[in-house]
């Protein structure tokens, strides 16, 4: 009797699992821009042994609103990103089309100024945008870009959750 009940229970669980997993809606495919931001971040993270980020539509929507606001209301000036609940990086480039890969690679260039052994930057250099890219505790990423005005300026912003770059804490 116990064997029959167990077999019945396993059959019901199997049917429940198949029915719930087959009706679940898969997430929409990433846009080419999102995929390029995510892949380039994850390549930089893999090079230092940090787990990959996942794409967050919520963060992407938030950065999209911010870059549009910066474009429409503030002539593409840098956004004040210090008061937010996310880690953040931004890049402004004038006179050239900038791909997501170029943006992230520009941030990662700061790696040469980062001293992992004592978790500092070389004197007179910055490395905070690099450490945010590879911050081990960040698990989600969302980015957006916009082109601004006549100067052919682009503004790119990425948000990271949870935030990173805490003084005294190693990124990886």
C-alpha atoms as a PDB file:
ATOM      1  CA  UNK A   1       0.000   0.000   0.000  1.00  0.00           C
ATOM      2  CA  UNK A   2       2.811   2.438   0.912  1.00  0.00           C
ATOM      3  CA  UNK A   3       4.575   1.658  -2.370  1.00  0.00           C
ATOM      4  CA  UNK A   4       1.390   2.486  -4.354  1.00  0.00           C
ATOM      5  CA  UNK A   5       0.911   5.760  -2.480  1.00  0.00           C
ATOM      6  CA  UNK A   6       4.549   6.704  -3.069  1.00  0.00           C
ATOM      7  CA  UNK A   7       4.305   5.845  -6.764  1.00  0.00           C
ATOM      8  CA  UNK A   8       1.100   7.895  -7.053  1.00  0.00           C
ATOM      9  CA  UNK A   9       2.720  10.844  -5.241  1.00  0.00           C
ATOM     10  CA  UNK A  10       5.779  10.737  -7.530  1.00  0.00           C
ATOM     11  CA  UNK A  11       3.515  10.627 -10.576  1.00  0.00           C
ATOM     12  CA  UNK A  12       1.535  13.643  -9.330  1.00  0.00           C
ATOM     13  CA  UNK A  13       4.730  15.581  -8.568  1.00  0.00           C
ATOM     14  CA  UNK A  14       6.114  14.761 -12.003  1.00  0.00           C
ATOM     15  CA  UNK A  15       2.925  15.966 -13.691  1.00  0.00           C
ATOM     16  CA  UNK A  16       2.930  19.108 -11.524  1.00  0.00           C
ATOM     17  CA  UNK A  17       6.579  19.798 -12.383  1.00  0.00           C
ATOM     18  CA  UNK A  18       6.034  19.267 -16.106  1.00  0.00           C
ATOM     19  CA  UNK A  19       2.904  21.413 -16.151  1.00  0.00           C
ATOM     20  CA  UNK A  20       4.459  24.270 -14.175  1.00  0.00           C
ATOM     21  CA  UNK A  21       7.741  24.309 -16.063  1.00  0.00           C
ATOM     22  CA  UNK A  22       6.193  24.005 -19.496  1.00  0.00           C
ATOM     23  CA  UNK A  23       3.806  26.928 -18.957  1.00  0.00           C
ATOM     24  CA  UNK A  24       6.384  29.266 -17.425  1.00  0.00           C
ATOM     25  CA  UNK A  25       7.153  32.128 -19.755  1.00  0.00           C
ATOM     26  CA  UNK A  26      10.840  32.338 -20.551  1.00  0.00           C
ATOM     27  CA  UNK A  27      12.436  35.756 -20.180  1.00  0.00           C
ATOM     28  CA  UNK A  28      12.517  37.754 -23.405  1.00  0.00           C
ATOM     29  CA  UNK A  29      15.757  37.537 -25.351  1.00  0.00           C
ATOM     30  CA  UNK A  30      18.253  40.298 -24.661  1.00  0.00           C
ATOM     31  CA  UNK A  31      18.730  43.062 -27.179  1.00  0.00           C
ATOM     32  CA  UNK A  32      22.084  43.156 -28.963  1.00  0.00           C
ATOM     33  CA  UNK A  33      23.088  46.183 -26.861  1.00  0.00           C
ATOM     34  CA  UNK A  34      22.188  44.462 -23.577  1.00  0.00           C
ATOM     35  CA  UNK A  35      23.976  41.289 -24.643  1.00  0.00           C
ATOM     36  CA  UNK A  36      27.120  43.256 -25.539  1.00  0.00           C
ATOM     37  CA  UNK A  37      27.140  45.141 -22.213  1.00  0.00           C
ATOM     38  CA  UNK A  38      26.625  41.899 -20.294  1.00  0.00           C
ATOM     39  CA  UNK A  39      29.164  39.814 -22.241  1.00  0.00           C
ATOM     40  CA  UNK A  40      31.884  42.448 -21.973  1.00  0.00           C
ATOM     41  CA  UNK A  41      31.318  42.848 -18.232  1.00  0.00           C
ATOM     42  CA  UNK A  42      31.389  39.095 -17.749  1.00  0.00           C
ATOM     43  CA  UNK A  43      34.607  38.720 -19.743  1.00  0.00           C
ATOM     44  CA  UNK A  44      36.295  41.253 -17.439  1.00  0.00           C
ATOM     45  CA  UNK A  45      34.907  39.475 -14.382  1.00  0.00           C
ATOM     46  CA  UNK A  46      35.990  36.039 -15.615  1.00  0.00           C
ATOM     47  CA  UNK A  47      39.537  37.319 -16.143  1.00  0.00           C
ATOM     48  CA  UNK A  48      39.824  37.854 -12.360  1.00  0.00           C
ATOM     49  CA  UNK A  49      37.804  34.816 -11.274  1.00  0.00           C
ATOM     50  CA  UNK A  50      34.543  36.621 -10.412  1.00  0.00           C
ATOM     51  CA  UNK A  51      31.120  35.077 -11.102  1.00  0.00           C
ATOM     52  CA  UNK A  52      29.151  36.500 -14.060  1.00  0.00           C
ATOM     53  CA  UNK A  53      26.436  39.114 -13.737  1.00  0.00           C
ATOM     54  CA  UNK A  54      22.877  38.569 -14.920  1.00  0.00           C
ATOM     55  CA  UNK A  55      20.904  41.155 -16.868  1.00  0.00           C
ATOM     56  CA  UNK A  56      18.185  43.011 -14.960  1.00  0.00           C
ATOM     57  CA  UNK A  57      15.398  44.597 -16.985  1.00  0.00           C
ATOM     58  CA  UNK A  58      14.499  46.666 -13.922  1.00  0.00           C
ATOM     59  CA  UNK A  59      18.009  48.167 -13.759  1.00  0.00           C
ATOM     60  CA  UNK A  60      18.055  48.619 -17.542  1.00  0.00           C
ATOM     61  CA  UNK A  61      14.742  50.493 -17.420  1.00  0.00           C
ATOM     62  CA  UNK A  62      16.015  52.708 -14.618  1.00  0.00           C
ATOM     63  CA  UNK A  63      19.231  53.553 -16.487  1.00  0.00           C
ATOM     64  CA  UNK A  64      17.240  54.165 -19.650  1.00  0.00           C
ATOM     65  CA  UNK A  65      15.075  56.739 -17.869  1.00  0.00           C
ATOM     66  CA  UNK A  66      18.175  58.366 -16.390  1.00  0.00           C
ATOM     67  CA  UNK A  67      20.098  58.695 -19.687  1.00  0.00           C
ATOM     68  CA  UNK A  68      17.006  60.138 -21.379  1.00  0.00           C
ATOM     69  CA  UNK A  69      16.582  62.634 -18.542  1.00  0.00           C
ATOM     70  CA  UNK A  70      20.263  63.590 -18.757  1.00  0.00           C
ATOM     71  CA  UNK A  71      19.889  64.027 -22.527  1.00  0.00           C
ATOM     72  CA  UNK A  72      16.597  65.907 -22.530  1.00  0.00           C
ATOM     73  CA  UNK A  73      16.947  68.082 -19.427  1.00  0.00           C
ATOM     74  CA  UNK A  74      20.675  68.408 -18.726  1.00  0.00           C
ATOM     75  CA  UNK A  75      22.341  68.431 -22.161  1.00  0.00           C
ATOM     76  CA  UNK A  76      23.969  65.059 -21.509  1.00  0.00           C
ATOM     77  CA  UNK A  77      25.944  66.162 -18.481  1.00  0.00           C
ATOM     78  CA  UNK A  78      27.141  63.460 -16.142  1.00  0.00           C
ATOM     79  CA  UNK A  79      24.456  62.233 -13.776  1.00  0.00           C
ATOM     80  CA  UNK A  80      24.896  62.426 -10.015  1.00  0.00           C
ATOM     81  CA  UNK A  81      25.125  58.724  -9.219  1.00  0.00           C
ATOM     82  CA  UNK A  82      26.312  58.920  -5.617  1.00  0.00           C
ATOM     83  CA  UNK A  83      22.929  59.031  -3.901  1.00  0.00           C
ATOM     84  CA  UNK A  84      21.404  55.927  -5.481  1.00  0.00           C
ATOM     85  CA  UNK A  85      20.791  52.446  -4.164  1.00  0.00           C
ATOM     86  CA  UNK A  86      22.836  50.890  -6.959  1.00  0.00           C
ATOM     87  CA  UNK A  87      26.476  50.785  -7.887  1.00  0.00           C
ATOM     88  CA  UNK A  88      26.989  52.829 -11.028  1.00  0.00           C
ATOM     89  CA  UNK A  89      29.367  53.686 -13.848  1.00  0.00           C
ATOM     90  CA  UNK A  90      28.977  56.226 -16.608  1.00  0.00           C
ATOM     91  CA  UNK A  91      30.922  57.316 -19.650  1.00  0.00           C
ATOM     92  CA  UNK A  92      30.539  60.321 -21.908  1.00  0.00           C
ATOM     93  CA  UNK A  93      32.229  60.298 -25.301  1.00  0.00           C
ATOM     94  CA  UNK A  94      32.248  63.100 -27.853  1.00  0.00           C
ATOM     95  CA  UNK A  95      32.489  62.853 -31.604  1.00  0.00           C
ATOM     96  CA  UNK A  96      32.281  59.113 -32.071  1.00  0.00           C
ATOM     97  CA  UNK A  97      29.794  56.292 -32.047  1.00  0.00           C
ATOM     98  CA  UNK A  98      30.461  54.253 -28.932  1.00  0.00           C
ATOM     99  CA  UNK A  99      29.520  50.594 -28.622  1.00  0.00           C
ATOM    100  CA  UNK A 100      28.741  48.918 -25.303  1.00  0.00           C
ATOM    101  CA  UNK A 101      31.974  46.919 -25.658  1.00  0.00           C
ATOM    102  CA  UNK A 102      33.978  50.149 -26.042  1.00  0.00           C
ATOM    103  CA  UNK A 103      32.313  51.595 -22.931  1.00  0.00           C
ATOM    104  CA  UNK A 104      33.119  48.626 -20.703  1.00  0.00           C
ATOM    105  CA  UNK A 105      36.623  48.272 -22.132  1.00  0.00           C
ATOM    106  CA  UNK A 106      37.240  51.932 -21.285  1.00  0.00           C
ATOM    107  CA  UNK A 107      36.223  51.292 -17.670  1.00  0.00           C
ATOM    108  CA  UNK A 108      38.348  48.149 -17.521  1.00  0.00           C
ATOM    109  CA  UNK A 109      41.432  50.107 -18.651  1.00  0.00           C
ATOM    110  CA  UNK A 110      41.638  51.362 -15.064  1.00  0.00           C
ATOM    111  CA  UNK A 111      42.723  47.857 -14.050  1.00  0.00           C
ATOM    112  CA  UNK A 112      46.329  48.867 -14.708  1.00  0.00           C
ATOM    113  CA  UNK A 113      46.048  51.379 -11.839  1.00  0.00           C
ATOM    114  CA  UNK A 114      44.526  48.931  -9.352  1.00  0.00           C
ATOM    115  CA  UNK A 115      46.807  47.246  -6.827  1.00  0.00           C
ATOM    116  CA  UNK A 116      45.009  44.094  -5.702  1.00  0.00           C
ATOM    117  CA  UNK A 117      47.532  43.234  -2.960  1.00  0.00           C
ATOM    118  CA  UNK A 118      46.556  46.261  -0.864  1.00  0.00           C
ATOM    119  CA  UNK A 119      43.245  47.178  -2.527  1.00  0.00           C
ATOM    120  CA  UNK A 120      44.330  50.647  -3.599  1.00  0.00           C
ATOM    121  CA  UNK A 121      44.725  52.716  -6.732  1.00  0.00           C
ATOM    122  CA  UNK A 122      48.070  54.029  -7.893  1.00  0.00           C
ATOM    123  CA  UNK A 123      48.661  57.563  -6.630  1.00  0.00           C
ATOM    124  CA  UNK A 124      47.095  60.229  -8.880  1.00  0.00           C
ATOM    125  CA  UNK A 125      44.962  57.641 -10.697  1.00  0.00           C
ATOM    126  CA  UNK A 126      41.447  56.358 -10.302  1.00  0.00           C
ATOM    127  CA  UNK A 127      40.254  52.803 -10.536  1.00  0.00           C
ATOM    128  CA  UNK A 128      36.723  52.913  -9.095  1.00  0.00           C
ATOM    129  CA  UNK A 129      34.885  52.252 -12.338  1.00  0.00           C
ATOM    130  CA  UNK A 130      37.059  49.173 -12.896  1.00  0.00           C
ATOM    131  CA  UNK A 131      36.440  47.843  -9.397  1.00  0.00           C
ATOM    132  CA  UNK A 132      32.691  48.339  -9.858  1.00  0.00           C
ATOM    133  CA  UNK A 133      32.771  46.249 -13.060  1.00  0.00           C
ATOM    134  CA  UNK A 134      34.427  43.345 -11.214  1.00  0.00           C
ATOM    135  CA  UNK A 135      32.807  43.818  -7.784  1.00  0.00           C
ATOM    136  CA  UNK A 136      32.214  40.221  -6.657  1.00  0.00           C
ATOM    137  CA  UNK A 137      29.091  40.951  -4.609  1.00  0.00           C
ATOM    138  CA  UNK A 138      27.250  42.613  -7.491  1.00  0.00           C
ATOM    139  CA  UNK A 139      25.081  40.059  -9.287  1.00  0.00           C
ATOM    140  CA  UNK A 140      22.793  42.104 -11.557  1.00  0.00           C
ATOM    141  CA  UNK A 141      23.481  44.618 -14.300  1.00  0.00           C
ATOM    142  CA  UNK A 142      21.374  47.035 -16.306  1.00  0.00           C
ATOM    143  CA  UNK A 143      22.741  49.607 -18.772  1.00  0.00           C
ATOM    144  CA  UNK A 144      21.546  52.177 -21.280  1.00  0.00           C
ATOM    145  CA  UNK A 145      23.018  54.602 -23.810  1.00  0.00           C
ATOM    146  CA  UNK A 146      21.831  57.715 -25.571  1.00  0.00           C
ATOM    147  CA  UNK A 147      23.185  60.092 -28.181  1.00  0.00           C
ATOM    148  CA  UNK A 148      23.039  63.770 -27.352  1.00  0.00           C
ATOM    149  CA  UNK A 149      22.581  66.830 -29.504  1.00  0.00           C
ATOM    150  CA  UNK A 150      24.616  68.273 -32.282  1.00  0.00           C
ATOM    151  CA  UNK A 151      28.008  67.446 -30.788  1.00  0.00           C
ATOM    152  CA  UNK A 152      27.477  63.730 -31.403  1.00  0.00           C
ATOM    153  CA  UNK A 153      28.041  63.010 -27.734  1.00  0.00           C
ATOM    154  CA  UNK A 154      27.021  59.696 -26.241  1.00  0.00           C
ATOM    155  CA  UNK A 155      26.237  58.978 -22.608  1.00  0.00           C
ATOM    156  CA  UNK A 156      26.321  55.438 -21.228  1.00  0.00           C
ATOM    157  CA  UNK A 157      25.266  54.427 -17.721  1.00  0.00           C
ATOM    158  CA  UNK A 158      25.295  51.033 -16.011  1.00  0.00           C
ATOM    159  CA  UNK A 159      23.748  50.177 -12.653  1.00  0.00           C
ATOM    160  CA  UNK A 160      24.896  47.233 -10.526  1.00  0.00           C
ATOM    161  CA  UNK A 161      23.016  45.479  -7.757  1.00  0.00           C
ATOM    162  CA  UNK A 162      23.909  45.139  -5.033  1.00  0.00           C
ATOM    163  CA  UNK A 163      26.209  48.158  -5.121  1.00  0.00           C
ATOM    164  CA  UNK A 164      29.944  47.893  -4.566  1.00  0.00           C
ATOM    165  CA  UNK A 165      33.125  49.911  -4.277  1.00  0.00           C
ATOM    166  CA  UNK A 166      33.230  50.146  -0.516  1.00  0.00           C
ATOM    167  CA  UNK A 167      36.410  51.639   0.868  1.00  0.00           C
ATOM    168  CA  UNK A 168      38.545  48.985   2.508  1.00  0.00           C
ATOM    169  CA  UNK A 169      36.794  46.046   0.848  1.00  0.00           C
ATOM    170  CA  UNK A 170      38.382  44.137  -2.026  1.00  0.00           C
ATOM    171  CA  UNK A 171      36.318  43.872  -5.216  1.00  0.00           C
ATOM    172  CA  UNK A 172      37.263  40.223  -5.830  1.00  0.00           C
END
